[in-house]
Amino acid sequence: MKILIAEDEPITLATMEFRLVKDGHEVISADNGQDALAKLSEITPDLVITDIMMPFASGLEVLSAVKKLNATIPVIVLSAMGQENVVLEAFTLGADDYITKPFSPNELALRVKRFSLRTS
C-alpha cells in the first residue's frame, strides 16, 4: 500500500515510517499539513495517516482534501489526549479511524493492516 503520513513531530514520524516500511508499505512523509496537501496534488495514496494539530494546515484540512480527492481513501487521524471534540469533528468530515497519542507502533501496524485487507 502507498501511505501518506502527515506528522509534525519528527520522532513520531520516523517511528511510523520505519514500522510501515518494515511491513512492506510505500511511505510518503509530510512534516506539516501544507506539505501533505502539496503531496496529495502529486500522488493518490491508498491510505492517509494525519495528525490533527500541525502547522500551516491542520489534519482536518488534510482529511477534507483527501475526501474531496477520493472519498474511498481511508484516513486515520492521530490526536493527543483530551481532544474529543476535534476527533468528533474528524469523524464528521469522514475519518475512518483514529489513534490517541501516544500509541504503540504495533497498534498502528494492526490498524493499517485492517485497511490493507480491505483494499486487496
PDB file of N, CA and C in Angstrom:
ATOM      1  N   MET A   1       0.835  -1.188   0.000  1.00  0.00           N
ATOM      2  CA  MET A   1       0.000   0.000   0.000  1.00  0.00           C
ATOM      3  C   MET A   1       0.875   1.244   0.000  1.00  0.00           C
ATOM      4  N   LYS A   2       0.392   2.272  -0.680  1.00  0.00           N
ATOM      5  CA  LYS A   2       1.044   3.580  -0.659  1.00  0.00           C
ATOM      6  C   LYS A   2       0.368   4.405   0.430  1.00  0.00           C
ATOM      7  N   ILE A   3       1.165   4.803   1.441  1.00  0.00           N
ATOM      8  CA  ILE A   3       0.613   5.501   2.607  1.00  0.00           C
ATOM      9  C   ILE A   3       1.240   6.881   2.730  1.00  0.00           C
ATOM     10  N   LEU A   4       0.397   7.895   2.818  1.00  0.00           N
ATOM     11  CA  LEU A   4       0.856   9.252   3.099  1.00  0.00           C
ATOM     12  C   LEU A   4       0.712   9.491   4.596  1.00  0.00           C
ATOM     13  N   ILE A   5       1.822   9.881   5.239  1.00  0.00           N
ATOM     14  CA  ILE A   5       1.800  10.207   6.666  1.00  0.00           C
ATOM     15  C   ILE A   5       2.062  11.696   6.811  1.00  0.00           C
ATOM     16  N   ALA A   6       1.167  12.399   7.497  1.00  0.00           N
ATOM     17  CA  ALA A   6       1.346  13.815   7.816  1.00  0.00           C
ATOM     18  C   ALA A   6       1.499  13.937   9.332  1.00  0.00           C
ATOM     19  N   GLU A   7       2.700  14.270   9.770  1.00  0.00           N
ATOM     20  CA  GLU A   7       3.006  14.331  11.207  1.00  0.00           C
ATOM     21  C   GLU A   7       4.141  15.325  11.413  1.00  0.00           C
ATOM     22  N   ASP A   8       3.947  16.278  12.323  1.00  0.00           N
ATOM     23  CA  ASP A   8       4.964  17.314  12.534  1.00  0.00           C
ATOM     24  C   ASP A   8       5.969  16.985  13.637  1.00  0.00           C
ATOM     25  N   GLU A   9       5.765  15.910  14.380  1.00  0.00           N
ATOM     26  CA  GLU A   9       6.733  15.508  15.399  1.00  0.00           C
ATOM     27  C   GLU A   9       7.722  14.533  14.752  1.00  0.00           C
ATOM     28  N   PRO A  10       8.996  14.948  14.590  1.00  0.00           N
ATOM     29  CA  PRO A  10       9.966  14.135  13.839  1.00  0.00           C
ATOM     30  C   PRO A  10      10.142  12.703  14.352  1.00  0.00           C
ATOM     31  N   ILE A  11      10.163  12.509  15.665  1.00  0.00           N
ATOM     32  CA  ILE A  11      10.359  11.160  16.202  1.00  0.00           C
ATOM     33  C   ILE A  11       9.151  10.279  15.917  1.00  0.00           C
ATOM     34  N   THR A  12       7.958  10.831  16.083  1.00  0.00           N
ATOM     35  CA  THR A  12       6.738  10.065  15.790  1.00  0.00           C
ATOM     36  C   THR A  12       6.681   9.715  14.308  1.00  0.00           C
ATOM     37  N   LEU A  13       7.005  10.682  13.446  1.00  0.00           N
ATOM     38  CA  LEU A  13       7.001  10.445  12.006  1.00  0.00           C
ATOM     39  C   LEU A  13       8.001   9.350  11.635  1.00  0.00           C
ATOM     40  N   ALA A  14       9.217   9.441  12.159  1.00  0.00           N
ATOM     41  CA  ALA A  14      10.251   8.445  11.846  1.00  0.00           C
ATOM     42  C   ALA A  14       9.852   7.053  12.333  1.00  0.00           C
ATOM     43  N   THR A  15       9.252   6.979  13.511  1.00  0.00           N
ATOM     44  CA  THR A  15       8.825   5.695  14.066  1.00  0.00           C
ATOM     45  C   THR A  15       7.740   5.063  13.192  1.00  0.00           C
ATOM     46  N   MET A  16       6.752   5.865  12.797  1.00  0.00           N
ATOM     47  CA  MET A  16       5.680   5.336  11.950  1.00  0.00           C
ATOM     48  C   MET A  16       6.230   4.901  10.598  1.00  0.00           C
ATOM     49  N   GLU A  17       7.070   5.743  10.018  1.00  0.00           N
ATOM     50  CA  GLU A  17       7.642   5.427   8.713  1.00  0.00           C
ATOM     51  C   GLU A  17       8.451   4.126   8.772  1.00  0.00           C
ATOM     52  N   PHE A  18       9.303   3.987   9.790  1.00  0.00           N
ATOM     53  CA  PHE A  18      10.120   2.790   9.942  1.00  0.00           C
ATOM     54  C   PHE A  18       9.251   1.537  10.017  1.00  0.00           C
ATOM     55  N   ARG A  19       8.226   1.576  10.865  1.00  0.00           N
ATOM     56  CA  ARG A  19       7.374   0.402  11.061  1.00  0.00           C
ATOM     57  C   ARG A  19       6.611   0.042   9.792  1.00  0.00           C
ATOM     58  N   LEU A  20       6.068   1.032   9.121  1.00  0.00           N
ATOM     59  CA  LEU A  20       5.252   0.737   7.941  1.00  0.00           C
ATOM     60  C   LEU A  20       6.099   0.269   6.758  1.00  0.00           C
ATOM     61  N   VAL A  21       7.281   0.834   6.594  1.00  0.00           N
ATOM     62  CA  VAL A  21       8.185   0.367   5.542  1.00  0.00           C
ATOM     63  C   VAL A  21       8.616  -1.075   5.849  1.00  0.00           C
ATOM     64  N   LYS A  22       8.904  -1.349   7.111  1.00  0.00           N
ATOM     65  CA  LYS A  22       9.269  -2.706   7.541  1.00  0.00           C
ATOM     66  C   LYS A  22       8.155  -3.695   7.202  1.00  0.00           C
ATOM     67  N   ASP A  23       6.906  -3.237   7.280  1.00  0.00           N
ATOM     68  CA  ASP A  23       5.758  -4.092   6.965  1.00  0.00           C
ATOM     69  C   ASP A  23       5.481  -4.183   5.462  1.00  0.00           C
ATOM     70  N   GLY A  24       6.328  -3.530   4.652  1.00  0.00           N
ATOM     71  CA  GLY A  24       6.202  -3.661   3.201  1.00  0.00           C
ATOM     72  C   GLY A  24       5.427  -2.568   2.494  1.00  0.00           C
ATOM     73  N   HIS A  25       5.110  -1.494   3.193  1.00  0.00           N
ATOM     74  CA  HIS A  25       4.354  -0.408   2.580  1.00  0.00           C
ATOM     75  C   HIS A  25       5.281   0.643   1.987  1.00  0.00           C
ATOM     76  N   GLU A  26       4.788   1.344   0.978  1.00  0.00           N
ATOM     77  CA  GLU A  26       5.485   2.510   0.440  1.00  0.00           C
ATOM     78  C   GLU A  26       4.995   3.715   1.236  1.00  0.00           C
ATOM     79  N   VAL A  27       5.915   4.471   1.837  1.00  0.00           N
ATOM     80  CA  VAL A  27       5.527   5.581   2.704  1.00  0.00           C
ATOM     81  C   VAL A  27       6.001   6.899   2.106  1.00  0.00           C
ATOM     82  N   ILE A  28       5.090   7.852   2.039  1.00  0.00           N
ATOM     83  CA  ILE A  28       5.393   9.222   1.643  1.00  0.00           C
ATOM     84  C   ILE A  28       5.164  10.065   2.890  1.00  0.00           C
ATOM     85  N   SER A  29       6.188  10.809   3.315  1.00  0.00           N
ATOM     86  CA  SER A  29       6.104  11.571   4.557  1.00  0.00           C
ATOM     87  C   SER A  29       5.921  13.055   4.285  1.00  0.00           C
ATOM     88  N   ALA A  30       5.136  13.680   5.155  1.00  0.00           N
ATOM     89  CA  ALA A  30       4.949  15.128   5.137  1.00  0.00           C
ATOM     90  C   ALA A  30       5.096  15.612   6.570  1.00  0.00           C
ATOM     91  N   ASP A  31       5.931  16.648   6.779  1.00  0.00           N
ATOM     92  CA  ASP A  31       6.164  17.092   8.155  1.00  0.00           C
ATOM     93  C   ASP A  31       5.286  18.258   8.589  1.00  0.00           C
ATOM     94  N   ASN A  32       4.296  18.600   7.766  1.00  0.00           N
ATOM     95  CA  ASN A  32       3.283  19.578   8.159  1.00  0.00           C
ATOM     96  C   ASN A  32       2.090  19.438   7.219  1.00  0.00           C
ATOM     97  N   GLY A  33       1.005  20.098   7.562  1.00  0.00           N
ATOM     98  CA  GLY A  33      -0.212  19.961   6.777  1.00  0.00           C
ATOM     99  C   GLY A  33      -0.095  20.506   5.374  1.00  0.00           C
ATOM    100  N   GLN A  34       0.609  21.605   5.205  1.00  0.00           N
ATOM    101  CA  GLN A  34       0.774  22.211   3.882  1.00  0.00           C
ATOM    102  C   GLN A  34       1.543  21.262   2.955  1.00  0.00           C
ATOM    103  N   ASP A  35       2.590  20.637   3.485  1.00  0.00           N
ATOM    104  CA  ASP A  35       3.363  19.672   2.710  1.00  0.00           C
ATOM    105  C   ASP A  35       2.486  18.484   2.314  1.00  0.00           C
ATOM    106  N   ALA A  36       1.636  18.030   3.226  1.00  0.00           N
ATOM    107  CA  ALA A  36       0.728  16.919   2.920  1.00  0.00           C
ATOM    108  C   ALA A  36      -0.239  17.298   1.799  1.00  0.00           C
ATOM    109  N   LEU A  37      -0.776  18.506   1.850  1.00  0.00           N
ATOM    110  CA  LEU A  37      -1.697  18.952   0.804  1.00  0.00           C
ATOM    111  C   LEU A  37      -0.990  19.012  -0.546  1.00  0.00           C
ATOM    112  N   ALA A  38       0.265  19.473  -0.553  1.00  0.00           N
ATOM    113  CA  ALA A  38       1.035  19.526  -1.800  1.00  0.00           C
ATOM    114  C   ALA A  38       1.263  18.122  -2.354  1.00  0.00           C
ATOM    115  N   LYS A  39       1.581  17.174  -1.485  1.00  0.00           N
ATOM    116  CA  LYS A  39       1.824  15.802  -1.935  1.00  0.00           C
ATOM    117  C   LYS A  39       0.541  15.153  -2.450  1.00  0.00           C
ATOM    118  N   LEU A  40      -0.597  15.536  -1.888  1.00  0.00           N
ATOM    119  CA  LEU A  40      -1.876  14.997  -2.368  1.00  0.00           C
ATOM    120  C   LEU A  40      -2.169  15.435  -3.799  1.00  0.00           C
ATOM    121  N   SER A  41      -1.599  16.574  -4.214  1.00  0.00           N
ATOM    122  CA  SER A  41      -1.812  17.019  -5.592  1.00  0.00           C
ATOM    123  C   SER A  41      -0.906  16.256  -6.560  1.00  0.00           C
ATOM    124  N   GLU A  42       0.094  15.531  -6.024  1.00  0.00           N
ATOM    125  CA  GLU A  42       1.037  14.788  -6.860  1.00  0.00           C
ATOM    126  C   GLU A  42       0.771  13.288  -6.880  1.00  0.00           C
ATOM    127  N   ILE A  43       0.233  12.754  -5.793  1.00  0.00           N
ATOM    128  CA  ILE A  43       0.040  11.311  -5.672  1.00  0.00           C
ATOM    129  C   ILE A  43      -1.370  10.998  -5.195  1.00  0.00           C
ATOM    130  N   THR A  44      -1.781   9.762  -5.418  1.00  0.00           N
ATOM    131  CA  THR A  44      -3.038   9.275  -4.849  1.00  0.00           C
ATOM    132  C   THR A  44      -2.691   8.104  -3.937  1.00  0.00           C
ATOM    133  N   PRO A  45      -2.688   8.345  -2.626  1.00  0.00           N
ATOM    134  CA  PRO A  45      -2.333   7.269  -1.697  1.00  0.00           C
ATOM    135  C   PRO A  45      -3.482   6.272  -1.519  1.00  0.00           C
ATOM    136  N   ASP A  46      -3.125   5.102  -0.998  1.00  0.00           N
ATOM    137  CA  ASP A  46      -4.135   4.091  -0.655  1.00  0.00           C
ATOM    138  C   ASP A  46      -4.671   4.312   0.752  1.00  0.00           C
ATOM    139  N   LEU A  47      -3.895   5.043   1.574  1.00  0.00           N
ATOM    140  CA  LEU A  47      -4.252   5.320   2.958  1.00  0.00           C
ATOM    141  C   LEU A  47      -3.536   6.597   3.381  1.00  0.00           C
ATOM    142  N   VAL A  48      -4.201   7.398   4.214  1.00  0.00           N
ATOM    143  CA  VAL A  48      -3.585   8.603   4.768  1.00  0.00           C
ATOM    144  C   VAL A  48      -3.655   8.518   6.283  1.00  0.00           C
ATOM    145  N   ILE A  49      -2.527   8.829   6.921  1.00  0.00           N
ATOM    146  CA  ILE A  49      -2.466   8.935   8.376  1.00  0.00           C
ATOM    147  C   ILE A  49      -2.076  10.375   8.665  1.00  0.00           C
ATOM    148  N   THR A  50      -2.910  11.101   9.401  1.00  0.00           N
ATOM    149  CA  THR A  50      -2.617  12.507   9.645  1.00  0.00           C
ATOM    150  C   THR A  50      -2.814  12.881  11.107  1.00  0.00           C
ATOM    151  N   ASP A  51      -1.845  13.639  11.606  1.00  0.00           N
ATOM    152  CA  ASP A  51      -2.001  14.268  12.911  1.00  0.00           C
ATOM    153  C   ASP A  51      -3.042  15.367  12.753  1.00  0.00           C
ATOM    154  N   ILE A  52      -3.776  15.668  13.795  1.00  0.00           N
ATOM    155  CA  ILE A  52      -4.772  16.730  13.699  1.00  0.00           C
ATOM    156  C   ILE A  52      -4.122  18.095  13.874  1.00  0.00           C
ATOM    157  N   MET A  53      -3.279  18.240  14.881  1.00  0.00           N
ATOM    158  CA  MET A  53      -2.674  19.536  15.178  1.00  0.00           C
ATOM    159  C   MET A  53      -1.308  19.647  14.515  1.00  0.00           C
ATOM    160  N   MET A  54      -1.244  20.404  13.398  1.00  0.00           N
ATOM    161  CA  MET A  54       0.011  20.602  12.670  1.00  0.00           C
ATOM    162  C   MET A  54       0.096  22.055  12.215  1.00  0.00           C
ATOM    163  N   PRO A  55       1.320  22.524  11.963  1.00  0.00           N
ATOM    164  CA  PRO A  55       1.467  23.884  11.449  1.00  0.00           C
ATOM    165  C   PRO A  55       1.062  23.990   9.973  1.00  0.00           C
ATOM    166  N   PHE A  56       0.713  25.201   9.573  1.00  0.00           N
ATOM    167  CA  PHE A  56       0.417  25.600   8.184  1.00  0.00           C
ATOM    168  C   PHE A  56      -0.918  25.096   7.661  1.00  0.00           C
ATOM    169  N   ALA A  57      -1.311  23.882   7.979  1.00  0.00           N
ATOM    170  CA  ALA A  57      -2.632  23.350   7.636  1.00  0.00           C
ATOM    171  C   ALA A  57      -2.907  22.216   8.620  1.00  0.00           C
ATOM    172  N   SER A  58      -4.109  22.168   9.146  1.00  0.00           N
ATOM    173  CA  SER A  58      -4.439  21.152  10.154  1.00  0.00           C
ATOM    174  C   SER A  58      -4.729  19.806   9.504  1.00  0.00           C
ATOM    175  N   GLY A  59      -4.728  18.790  10.327  1.00  0.00           N
ATOM    176  CA  GLY A  59      -5.107  17.471   9.857  1.00  0.00           C
ATOM    177  C   GLY A  59      -6.543  17.413   9.368  1.00  0.00           C
ATOM    178  N   LEU A  60      -7.394  18.282   9.915  1.00  0.00           N
ATOM    179  CA  LEU A  60      -8.776  18.337   9.429  1.00  0.00           C
ATOM    180  C   LEU A  60      -8.818  18.855   7.993  1.00  0.00           C
ATOM    181  N   GLU A  61      -7.941  19.800   7.664  1.00  0.00           N
ATOM    182  CA  GLU A  61      -7.855  20.287   6.280  1.00  0.00           C
ATOM    183  C   GLU A  61      -7.324  19.190   5.362  1.00  0.00           C
ATOM    184  N   VAL A  62      -6.337  18.434   5.844  1.00  0.00           N
ATOM    185  CA  VAL A  62      -5.813  17.314   5.066  1.00  0.00           C
ATOM    186  C   VAL A  62      -6.916  16.276   4.842  1.00  0.00           C
ATOM    187  N   LEU A  63      -7.636  15.941   5.892  1.00  0.00           N
ATOM    188  CA  LEU A  63      -8.749  14.992   5.801  1.00  0.00           C
ATOM    189  C   LEU A  63      -9.776  15.447   4.767  1.00  0.00           C
ATOM    190  N   SER A  64     -10.173  16.704   4.822  1.00  0.00           N
ATOM    191  CA  SER A  64     -11.151  17.238   3.860  1.00  0.00           C
ATOM    192  C   SER A  64     -10.638  17.135   2.433  1.00  0.00           C
ATOM    193  N   ALA A  65      -9.359  17.456   2.233  1.00  0.00           N
ATOM    194  CA  ALA A  65      -8.771  17.385   0.893  1.00  0.00           C
ATOM    195  C   ALA A  65      -8.750  15.954   0.366  1.00  0.00           C
ATOM    196  N   VAL A  66      -8.415  15.003   1.236  1.00  0.00           N
ATOM    197  CA  VAL A  66      -8.393  13.593   0.829  1.00  0.00           C
ATOM    198  C   VAL A  66      -9.786  13.159   0.405  1.00  0.00           C
ATOM    199  N   LYS A  67     -10.780  13.484   1.204  1.00  0.00           N
ATOM    200  CA  LYS A  67     -12.143  13.038   0.901  1.00  0.00           C
ATOM    201  C   LYS A  67     -12.702  13.713  -0.354  1.00  0.00           C
ATOM    202  N   LYS A  68     -12.243  14.934  -0.653  1.00  0.00           N
ATOM    203  CA  LYS A  68     -12.643  15.585  -1.912  1.00  0.00           C
ATOM    204  C   LYS A  68     -11.954  14.917  -3.097  1.00  0.00           C
ATOM    205  N   LEU A  69     -10.706  14.511  -2.898  1.00  0.00           N
ATOM    206  CA  LEU A  69      -9.938  13.839  -3.944  1.00  0.00           C
ATOM    207  C   LEU A  69     -10.565  12.494  -4.284  1.00  0.00           C
ATOM    208  N   ASN A  70     -10.855  11.715  -3.248  1.00  0.00           N
ATOM    209  CA  ASN A  70     -11.439  10.395  -3.430  1.00  0.00           C
ATOM    210  C   ASN A  70     -12.003   9.946  -2.082  1.00  0.00           C
ATOM    211  N   ALA A  71     -13.300   9.939  -1.966  1.00  0.00           N
ATOM    212  CA  ALA A  71     -13.958   9.644  -0.681  1.00  0.00           C
ATOM    213  C   ALA A  71     -13.690   8.234  -0.179  1.00  0.00           C
ATOM    214  N   THR A  72     -13.196   7.347  -1.046  1.00  0.00           N
ATOM    215  CA  THR A  72     -12.949   5.967  -0.614  1.00  0.00           C
ATOM    216  C   THR A  72     -11.565   5.771   0.002  1.00  0.00           C
ATOM    217  N   ILE A  73     -10.689   6.767  -0.078  1.00  0.00           N
ATOM    218  CA  ILE A  73      -9.363   6.634   0.542  1.00  0.00           C
ATOM    219  C   ILE A  73      -9.545   6.699   2.056  1.00  0.00           C
ATOM    220  N   PRO A  74      -9.131   5.659   2.772  1.00  0.00           N
ATOM    221  CA  PRO A  74      -9.279   5.695   4.226  1.00  0.00           C
ATOM    222  C   PRO A  74      -8.289   6.669   4.870  1.00  0.00           C
ATOM    223  N   VAL A  75      -8.743   7.312   5.940  1.00  0.00           N
ATOM    224  CA  VAL A  75      -7.916   8.258   6.680  1.00  0.00           C
ATOM    225  C   VAL A  75      -7.949   7.891   8.157  1.00  0.00           C
ATOM    226  N   ILE A  76      -6.748   7.736   8.725  1.00  0.00           N
ATOM    227  CA  ILE A  76      -6.604   7.541  10.165  1.00  0.00           C
ATOM    228  C   ILE A  76      -6.103   8.859  10.728  1.00  0.00           C
ATOM    229  N   VAL A  77      -6.792   9.400  11.723  1.00  0.00           N
ATOM    230  CA  VAL A  77      -6.336  10.638  12.351  1.00  0.00           C
ATOM    231  C   VAL A  77      -5.673  10.315  13.686  1.00  0.00           C
ATOM    232  N   LEU A  78      -4.652  11.096  13.992  1.00  0.00           N
ATOM    233  CA  LEU A  78      -3.919  10.970  15.250  1.00  0.00           C
ATOM    234  C   LEU A  78      -4.257  12.175  16.101  1.00  0.00           C
ATOM    235  N   SER A  79      -4.537  11.950  17.378  1.00  0.00           N
ATOM    236  CA  SER A  79      -4.852  13.084  18.238  1.00  0.00           C
ATOM    237  C   SER A  79      -4.278  12.861  19.627  1.00  0.00           C
ATOM    238  N   ALA A  80      -3.955  13.960  20.271  1.00  0.00           N
ATOM    239  CA  ALA A  80      -3.497  13.900  21.652  1.00  0.00           C
ATOM    240  C   ALA A  80      -4.700  13.675  22.562  1.00  0.00           C
ATOM    241  N   MET A  81      -4.431  13.216  23.761  1.00  0.00           N
ATOM    242  CA  MET A  81      -5.498  13.025  24.742  1.00  0.00           C
ATOM    243  C   MET A  81      -6.231  14.345  24.967  1.00  0.00           C
ATOM    244  N   GLY A  82      -7.525  14.280  25.217  1.00  0.00           N
ATOM    245  CA  GLY A  82      -8.285  15.470  25.561  1.00  0.00           C
ATOM    246  C   GLY A  82      -8.777  16.280  24.384  1.00  0.00           C
ATOM    247  N   GLN A  83      -8.717  15.729  23.185  1.00  0.00           N
ATOM    248  CA  GLN A  83      -9.195  16.450  22.002  1.00  0.00           C
ATOM    249  C   GLN A  83     -10.462  15.810  21.443  1.00  0.00           C
ATOM    250  N   GLU A  84     -11.327  15.378  22.324  1.00  0.00           N
ATOM    251  CA  GLU A  84     -12.517  14.640  21.894  1.00  0.00           C
ATOM    252  C   GLU A  84     -13.358  15.410  20.893  1.00  0.00           C
ATOM    253  N   ASN A  85     -13.545  16.712  21.107  1.00  0.00           N
ATOM    254  CA  ASN A  85     -14.379  17.488  20.185  1.00  0.00           C
ATOM    255  C   ASN A  85     -13.764  17.542  18.789  1.00  0.00           C
ATOM    256  N   VAL A  86     -12.440  17.586  18.702  1.00  0.00           N
ATOM    257  CA  VAL A  86     -11.771  17.626  17.407  1.00  0.00           C
ATOM    258  C   VAL A  86     -11.878  16.261  16.723  1.00  0.00           C
ATOM    259  N   VAL A  87     -11.766  15.196  17.501  1.00  0.00           N
ATOM    260  CA  VAL A  87     -11.905  13.848  16.949  1.00  0.00           C
ATOM    261  C   VAL A  87     -13.319  13.651  16.404  1.00  0.00           C
ATOM    262  N   LEU A  88     -14.323  14.134  17.120  1.00  0.00           N
ATOM    263  CA  LEU A  88     -15.708  14.040  16.638  1.00  0.00           C
ATOM    264  C   LEU A  88     -15.877  14.806  15.334  1.00  0.00           C
ATOM    265  N   GLU A  89     -15.242  15.969  15.245  1.00  0.00           N
ATOM    266  CA  GLU A  89     -15.295  16.739  14.000  1.00  0.00           C
ATOM    267  C   GLU A  89     -14.623  15.959  12.870  1.00  0.00           C
ATOM    268  N   ALA A  90     -13.513  15.288  13.179  1.00  0.00           N
ATOM    269  CA  ALA A  90     -12.821  14.491  12.166  1.00  0.00           C
ATOM    270  C   ALA A  90     -13.727  13.382  11.628  1.00  0.00           C
ATOM    271  N   PHE A  91     -14.449  12.698  12.517  1.00  0.00           N
ATOM    272  CA  PHE A  91     -15.375  11.662  12.055  1.00  0.00           C
ATOM    273  C   PHE A  91     -16.496  12.257  11.211  1.00  0.00           C
ATOM    274  N   THR A  92     -16.960  13.443  11.577  1.00  0.00           N
ATOM    275  CA  THR A  92     -17.982  14.125  10.784  1.00  0.00           C
ATOM    276  C   THR A  92     -17.471  14.413   9.374  1.00  0.00           C
ATOM    277  N   LEU A  93     -16.180  14.737   9.260  1.00  0.00           N
ATOM    278  CA  LEU A  93     -15.577  15.035   7.956  1.00  0.00           C
ATOM    279  C   LEU A  93     -15.217  13.781   7.163  1.00  0.00           C
ATOM    280  N   GLY A  94     -15.364  12.607   7.782  1.00  0.00           N
ATOM    281  CA  GLY A  94     -15.144  11.371   7.042  1.00  0.00           C
ATOM    282  C   GLY A  94     -13.976  10.513   7.492  1.00  0.00           C
ATOM    283  N   ALA A  95     -13.373  10.812   8.643  1.00  0.00           N
ATOM    284  CA  ALA A  95     -12.275   9.973   9.142  1.00  0.00           C
ATOM    285  C   ALA A  95     -12.767   8.536   9.310  1.00  0.00           C
ATOM    286  N   ASP A  96     -11.881   7.600   9.025  1.00  0.00           N
ATOM    287  CA  ASP A  96     -12.232   6.190   9.114  1.00  0.00           C
ATOM    288  C   ASP A  96     -11.799   5.548  10.425  1.00  0.00           C
ATOM    289  N   ASP A  97     -10.813   6.160  11.092  1.00  0.00           N
ATOM    290  CA  ASP A  97     -10.308   5.608  12.347  1.00  0.00           C
ATOM    291  C   ASP A  97      -9.508   6.704  13.034  1.00  0.00           C
ATOM    292  N   TYR A  98      -9.249   6.529  14.317  1.00  0.00           N
ATOM    293  CA  TYR A  98      -8.344   7.453  14.993  1.00  0.00           C
ATOM    294  C   TYR A  98      -7.539   6.701  16.037  1.00  0.00           C
ATOM    295  N   ILE A  99      -6.365   7.262  16.299  1.00  0.00           N
ATOM    296  CA  ILE A  99      -5.470   6.710  17.302  1.00  0.00           C
ATOM    297  C   ILE A  99      -5.089   7.849  18.231  1.00  0.00           C
ATOM    298  N   THR A 100      -5.182   7.594  19.533  1.00  0.00           N
ATOM    299  CA  THR A 100      -4.808   8.594  20.526  1.00  0.00           C
ATOM    300  C   THR A 100      -3.311   8.501  20.803  1.00  0.00           C
ATOM    301  N   LYS A 101      -2.661   9.655  20.790  1.00  0.00           N
ATOM    302  CA  LYS A 101      -1.228   9.717  21.116  1.00  0.00           C
ATOM    303  C   LYS A 101      -1.052   9.727  22.623  1.00  0.00           C
ATOM    304  N   PRO A 102       0.002   9.141  23.131  1.00  0.00           N
ATOM    305  CA  PRO A 102       0.982   8.312  22.423  1.00  0.00           C
ATOM    306  C   PRO A 102       0.408   6.935  22.114  1.00  0.00           C
ATOM    307  N   PHE A 103       0.962   6.288  21.108  1.00  0.00           N
ATOM    308  CA  PHE A 103       0.469   4.972  20.713  1.00  0.00           C
ATOM    309  C   PHE A 103       1.650   4.057  20.400  1.00  0.00           C
ATOM    310  N   SER A 104       1.371   2.786  20.355  1.00  0.00           N
ATOM    311  CA  SER A 104       2.379   1.772  20.052  1.00  0.00           C
ATOM    312  C   SER A 104       2.485   1.588  18.536  1.00  0.00           C
ATOM    313  N   PRO A 105       3.691   1.433  18.007  1.00  0.00           N
ATOM    314  CA  PRO A 105       3.833   1.122  16.580  1.00  0.00           C
ATOM    315  C   PRO A 105       3.094  -0.167  16.197  1.00  0.00           C
ATOM    316  N   ASN A 106       2.977  -1.103  17.139  1.00  0.00           N
ATOM    317  CA  ASN A 106       2.231  -2.335  16.864  1.00  0.00           C
ATOM    318  C   ASN A 106       0.746  -2.060  16.663  1.00  0.00           C
ATOM    319  N   GLU A 107       0.198  -1.143  17.460  1.00  0.00           N
ATOM    320  CA  GLU A 107      -1.208  -0.770  17.285  1.00  0.00           C
ATOM    321  C   GLU A 107      -1.412  -0.141  15.913  1.00  0.00           C
ATOM    322  N   LEU A 108      -0.512   0.756  15.540  1.00  0.00           N
ATOM    323  CA  LEU A 108      -0.596   1.385  14.217  1.00  0.00           C
ATOM    324  C   LEU A 108      -0.557   0.323  13.124  1.00  0.00           C
ATOM    325  N   ALA A 109       0.376  -0.604  13.227  1.00  0.00           N
ATOM    326  CA  ALA A 109       0.520  -1.648  12.210  1.00  0.00           C
ATOM    327  C   ALA A 109      -0.755  -2.478  12.072  1.00  0.00           C
ATOM    328  N   LEU A 110      -1.389  -2.811  13.184  1.00  0.00           N
ATOM    329  CA  LEU A 110      -2.635  -3.591  13.134  1.00  0.00           C
ATOM    330  C   LEU A 110      -3.765  -2.808  12.479  1.00  0.00           C
ATOM    331  N   ARG A 111      -3.863  -1.532  12.800  1.00  0.00           N
ATOM    332  CA  ARG A 111      -4.927  -0.721  12.206  1.00  0.00           C
ATOM    333  C   ARG A 111      -4.709  -0.532  10.708  1.00  0.00           C
ATOM    334  N   VAL A 112      -3.458  -0.332  10.305  1.00  0.00           N
ATOM    335  CA  VAL A 112      -3.147  -0.206   8.880  1.00  0.00           C
ATOM    336  C   VAL A 112      -3.451  -1.517   8.166  1.00  0.00           C
ATOM    337  N   LYS A 113      -3.127  -2.623   8.795  1.00  0.00           N
ATOM    338  CA  LYS A 113      -3.378  -3.942   8.193  1.00  0.00           C
ATOM    339  C   LYS A 113      -4.865  -4.144   7.899  1.00  0.00           C
ATOM    340  N   ARG A 114      -5.714  -3.663   8.785  1.00  0.00           N
ATOM    341  CA  ARG A 114      -7.173  -3.767   8.540  1.00  0.00           C
ATOM    342  C   ARG A 114      -7.548  -3.097   7.224  1.00  0.00           C
ATOM    343  N   PHE A 115      -6.963  -1.929   6.951  1.00  0.00           N
ATOM    344  CA  PHE A 115      -7.279  -1.215   5.721  1.00  0.00           C
ATOM    345  C   PHE A 115      -6.636  -1.870   4.512  1.00  0.00           C
ATOM    346  N   SER A 116      -5.456  -2.455   4.685  1.00  0.00           N
ATOM    347  CA  SER A 116      -4.802  -3.114   3.539  1.00  0.00           C
ATOM    348  C   SER A 116      -5.576  -4.366   3.133  1.00  0.00           C
ATOM    349  N   LEU A 117      -6.213  -5.012   4.097  1.00  0.00           N
ATOM    350  CA  LEU A 117      -7.026  -6.194   3.770  1.00  0.00           C
ATOM    351  C   LEU A 117      -8.272  -5.794   2.986  1.00  0.00           C
ATOM    352  N   ARG A 118      -8.795  -4.605   3.255  1.00  0.00           N
ATOM    353  CA  ARG A 118      -9.976  -4.129   2.532  1.00  0.00           C
ATOM    354  C   ARG A 118      -9.659  -3.773   1.088  1.00  0.00           C
ATOM    355  N   THR A 119      -8.446  -3.270   0.842  1.00  0.00           N
ATOM    356  CA  THR A 119      -8.097  -2.804  -0.493  1.00  0.00           C
ATOM    357  C   THR A 119      -7.487  -3.897  -1.372  1.00  0.00           C
ATOM    358  N   SER A 120      -7.130  -5.043  -0.781  1.00  0.00           N
ATOM    359  CA  SER A 120      -6.511  -6.088  -1.597  1.00  0.00           C
ATOM    360  C   SER A 120      -7.515  -7.067  -2.141  1.00  0.00           C
TER     361      SER A 120
END
